[in-house]
Amino acid sequence: MKKAIKKSLLFVAVLVTMVNYASNVSPLNEDDNVKKTVLTLNNVKEGQQLLIKDNNQVILYKEAISKSGEYKKGFDLTALPNGDYYFELNKDIVIEVIPFKVKNNLVTFNKEDKTQIFKPFVILKNNTLFVSSLSLNASPIEFVIYYKNASTTELIHEENIKDKVNIQKAYTLDATKKGDYVFVTKTQNRVFTNNINL
């Protein structure tokens, strides 16, 4: 009986010591939360792509959004080398770009630097290619059309446009040249490709 009481008292003493020790020590995940940057995005859709890129457009992280609605996730960005980086949310018609900077393990965002890159809308009706492109900051844009057959790729048209916000174009394709066409849009260090069959 005395042994059982001693064991119980010893167990209680160890338990009290552990509780006291635990109350004086911060939990490990609290330190992790200090390092993490929480990214919150509203109105995301399942299947959209979230990327982290460096200043050279190298993809460092890629995730397919798994659930529509609000997206919230913590990222430890402090481990990145000093430099400029971007979160990108790739939506159906627009890419949202959220730049951030890492310097000496400190991450800074400037909400005013957030930008949107609108993807060109390209549709073929009969043998006419209709193109619509929106650039809120009137960035230069280049349109290139290629015709592809079994053995070669032929440049059909090339056009550079500057200082326009809303671009609406129509290109008539040669109805006798059936086959595959490629419409390429280059703007803001991005290349968008649309494959068209005539």
Protein backbone atom coordinates (compact mmCIF):
# COMPACT_ATOMS: atom_id res chain seq x y z
CA MET A 1 0.00 0.00 0.00
CA LYS A 2 2.85 2.38 0.92
CA LYS A 3 4.52 1.58 -2.42
CA ALA A 4 1.32 2.42 -4.31
CA ILE A 5 1.00 5.76 -2.45
CA LYS A 6 4.66 6.60 -3.15
CA LYS A 7 4.22 5.79 -6.84
CA SER A 8 1.06 7.94 -6.99
CA LEU A 9 2.81 10.85 -5.25
CA LEU A 10 5.80 10.51 -7.57
CA PHE A 11 3.49 10.50 -10.60
CA VAL A 12 1.66 13.62 -9.32
CA ALA A 13 4.99 15.39 -8.67
CA VAL A 14 6.24 14.60 -12.18
CA LEU A 15 2.91 15.72 -13.66
CA VAL A 16 2.99 19.04 -11.72
CA THR A 17 6.58 19.64 -12.85
CA MET A 18 5.64 18.98 -16.48
CA VAL A 19 2.61 21.31 -16.30
CA ASN A 20 4.72 24.10 -14.75
CA TYR A 21 7.44 23.61 -17.35
CA ALA A 22 4.93 23.58 -20.19
CA SER A 23 3.28 26.80 -19.05
CA ASN A 24 6.64 28.62 -19.21
CA VAL A 25 7.60 27.44 -22.70
CA SER A 26 6.02 28.76 -25.91
CA PRO A 27 4.63 26.08 -28.16
CA LEU A 28 6.75 25.31 -31.22
CA ASN A 29 3.97 26.08 -33.69
CA GLU A 30 3.80 29.65 -32.36
CA ASP A 31 7.33 30.26 -33.67
CA ASP A 32 6.30 28.68 -36.98
CA ASN A 33 3.35 31.07 -37.25
CA VAL A 34 5.65 34.06 -36.78
CA LYS A 35 7.59 32.95 -39.86
CA LYS A 36 4.53 32.22 -41.99
CA THR A 37 2.86 34.66 -44.30
CA VAL A 38 -0.86 33.94 -44.58
CA LEU A 39 -2.21 34.41 -48.10
CA THR A 40 -5.96 34.95 -48.30
CA LEU A 41 -7.71 35.03 -51.67
CA ASN A 42 -11.44 35.56 -52.17
CA ASN A 43 -13.62 34.06 -54.90
CA VAL A 44 -11.20 31.42 -56.13
CA LYS A 45 -12.45 28.53 -58.24
CA GLU A 46 -11.51 24.89 -58.15
CA GLY A 47 -8.83 24.15 -60.75
CA GLN A 48 -7.26 27.62 -60.82
CA GLN A 49 -3.47 27.65 -60.43
CA LEU A 50 -1.56 29.40 -57.64
CA LEU A 51 2.14 29.96 -58.32
CA ILE A 52 5.13 31.52 -56.59
CA LYS A 53 7.71 32.84 -59.08
CA ASP A 54 11.02 34.59 -58.78
CA ASN A 55 12.00 37.70 -60.74
CA ASN A 56 13.13 35.54 -63.67
CA GLN A 57 9.67 33.90 -63.96
CA VAL A 58 11.03 30.62 -62.55
CA ILE A 59 8.21 28.70 -60.83
CA LEU A 60 9.15 27.92 -57.21
CA TYR A 61 5.75 26.62 -56.09
CA LYS A 62 2.64 25.44 -57.92
CA GLU A 63 -0.73 24.39 -56.53
CA ALA A 64 -4.10 23.66 -58.10
CA ILE A 65 -6.91 25.22 -56.06
CA SER A 66 -8.94 22.30 -54.73
CA LYS A 67 -12.02 24.15 -53.42
CA SER A 68 -14.02 27.13 -54.67
CA GLY A 69 -14.63 30.10 -52.34
CA GLU A 70 -12.03 31.53 -49.97
CA TYR A 71 -8.42 30.29 -50.08
CA LYS A 72 -6.26 30.71 -46.99
CA LYS A 73 -2.80 29.21 -46.47
CA GLY A 74 0.40 29.99 -44.57
CA PHE A 75 3.72 30.12 -46.42
CA ASP A 76 7.19 30.34 -44.86
CA LEU A 77 8.76 32.79 -47.31
CA THR A 78 11.65 33.78 -45.03
CA ALA A 79 13.76 30.87 -46.30
CA LEU A 80 13.89 32.41 -49.79
CA PRO A 81 17.09 34.23 -50.83
CA ASN A 82 16.97 38.03 -50.92
CA GLY A 83 15.07 39.22 -54.00
CA ASP A 84 11.76 40.02 -55.65
CA TYR A 85 9.04 37.38 -55.94
CA TYR A 86 5.41 37.06 -57.01
CA PHE A 87 2.30 35.18 -56.03
CA GLU A 88 0.23 34.53 -59.15
CA LEU A 89 -3.36 33.34 -59.26
CA ASN A 90 -4.05 32.07 -62.77
CA LYS A 91 -7.78 32.49 -63.46
CA ASP A 92 -9.83 31.89 -66.60
CA ILE A 93 -9.38 35.34 -68.16
CA VAL A 94 -6.98 37.13 -65.83
CA ILE A 95 -3.75 36.53 -63.90
CA GLU A 96 -3.57 38.30 -60.54
CA VAL A 97 0.01 39.18 -59.61
CA ILE A 98 0.93 39.94 -55.98
CA PRO A 99 4.59 40.96 -55.68
CA PHE A 100 6.62 40.65 -52.49
CA LYS A 101 10.22 41.21 -51.48
CA VAL A 102 12.47 39.12 -49.25
CA LYS A 103 15.39 40.85 -47.56
CA ASN A 104 17.36 39.38 -44.66
CA ASN A 105 14.55 36.90 -43.83
CA LEU A 106 11.98 39.73 -43.76
CA VAL A 107 9.02 39.54 -46.16
CA THR A 108 7.30 42.76 -47.29
CA PHE A 109 4.24 43.27 -49.48
CA ASN A 110 3.03 46.47 -51.09
CA LYS A 111 -0.70 46.19 -51.88
CA GLU A 112 -0.44 49.06 -54.37
CA ASP A 113 1.87 46.96 -56.56
CA LYS A 114 -0.77 44.26 -57.11
CA THR A 115 -1.54 43.99 -60.83
CA GLN A 116 -3.80 42.11 -63.21
CA ILE A 117 -2.79 40.69 -66.58
CA PHE A 118 -5.78 39.99 -68.81
CA LYS A 119 -5.50 37.04 -71.15
CA PRO A 120 -6.46 37.69 -74.76
CA PHE A 121 -9.84 36.40 -75.91
CA VAL A 122 -9.57 34.72 -79.33
CA ILE A 123 -12.48 33.25 -81.30
CA LEU A 124 -12.83 32.01 -84.88
CA LYS A 125 -16.04 32.70 -86.84
CA ASN A 126 -16.08 31.33 -90.38
CA ASN A 127 -12.55 32.23 -91.49
CA THR A 128 -12.21 35.44 -89.42
CA LEU A 129 -10.21 35.49 -86.21
CA PHE A 130 -11.57 37.97 -83.64
CA VAL A 131 -9.18 39.08 -80.90
CA SER A 132 -9.94 41.12 -77.80
CA SER A 133 -7.26 42.14 -75.31
CA LEU A 134 -7.34 44.43 -72.29
CA SER A 135 -4.27 46.07 -70.75
CA LEU A 136 -5.10 48.44 -67.90
CA ASN A 137 -1.64 50.02 -68.00
CA ALA A 138 -1.52 50.17 -71.83
CA SER A 139 1.49 47.83 -72.03
CA PRO A 140 2.91 47.05 -75.48
CA ILE A 141 1.42 43.94 -77.03
CA GLU A 142 2.50 41.78 -79.96
CA PHE A 143 0.21 39.54 -82.03
CA VAL A 144 1.71 36.80 -84.21
CA ILE A 145 -0.15 34.30 -86.41
CA TYR A 146 1.44 31.10 -87.72
CA TYR A 147 0.08 28.56 -90.19
CA LYS A 148 1.14 24.97 -89.56
CA ASN A 149 1.02 22.09 -91.97
CA ALA A 150 2.59 18.64 -91.80
CA SER A 151 6.11 19.78 -92.62
CA THR A 152 6.49 23.52 -91.88
CA THR A 153 5.35 26.45 -89.80
CA GLU A 154 4.78 29.66 -91.73
CA LEU A 155 4.59 33.18 -90.27
CA ILE A 156 1.34 34.71 -91.57
CA HIS A 157 1.10 37.99 -89.67
CA GLU A 158 2.97 39.99 -87.00
CA GLU A 159 1.78 43.21 -85.37
CA ASN A 160 3.00 45.39 -82.48
CA ILE A 161 0.56 47.67 -80.67
CA LYS A 162 1.49 50.37 -78.13
CA ASP A 163 -0.35 52.72 -75.79
CA LYS A 164 -3.78 51.10 -76.08
CA VAL A 165 -5.89 49.86 -73.18
CA ASN A 166 -8.64 48.04 -75.07
CA ILE A 167 -7.62 46.27 -78.27
CA GLN A 168 -10.19 44.79 -80.68
CA LYS A 169 -8.86 43.17 -83.86
CA ALA A 170 -10.17 40.97 -86.66
CA TYR A 171 -7.92 38.92 -88.95
CA THR A 172 -9.26 37.19 -92.05
CA LEU A 173 -7.55 33.86 -92.66
CA ASP A 174 -7.16 32.43 -96.14
CA ALA A 175 -10.16 30.11 -96.54
CA THR A 176 -8.21 27.97 -99.02
CA LYS A 177 -5.51 27.24 -96.42
CA LYS A 178 -7.25 24.69 -94.26
CA GLY A 179 -5.39 23.36 -91.26
CA ASP A 180 -3.91 24.50 -87.97
CA TYR A 181 -3.11 28.09 -87.04
CA VAL A 182 -1.38 29.34 -83.91
CA PHE A 183 -2.20 32.78 -82.53
CA VAL A 184 0.49 34.06 -80.13
CA THR A 185 0.12 37.07 -77.85
CA LYS A 186 3.19 38.54 -76.13
CA THR A 187 2.76 41.16 -73.41
CA GLN A 188 4.19 42.01 -69.98
CA ASN A 189 6.82 39.24 -70.22
CA ARG A 190 4.05 36.70 -70.91
CA VAL A 191 3.27 34.54 -73.90
CA PHE A 192 -0.28 33.29 -74.53
CA THR A 193 -0.90 30.70 -77.25
CA ASN A 194 -4.21 29.84 -78.90
CA ASN A 195 -4.43 26.91 -81.33
CA ILE A 196 -7.04 27.35 -84.07
CA ASN A 197 -8.24 24.84 -86.65
CA LEU A 198 -9.71 26.18 -89.89
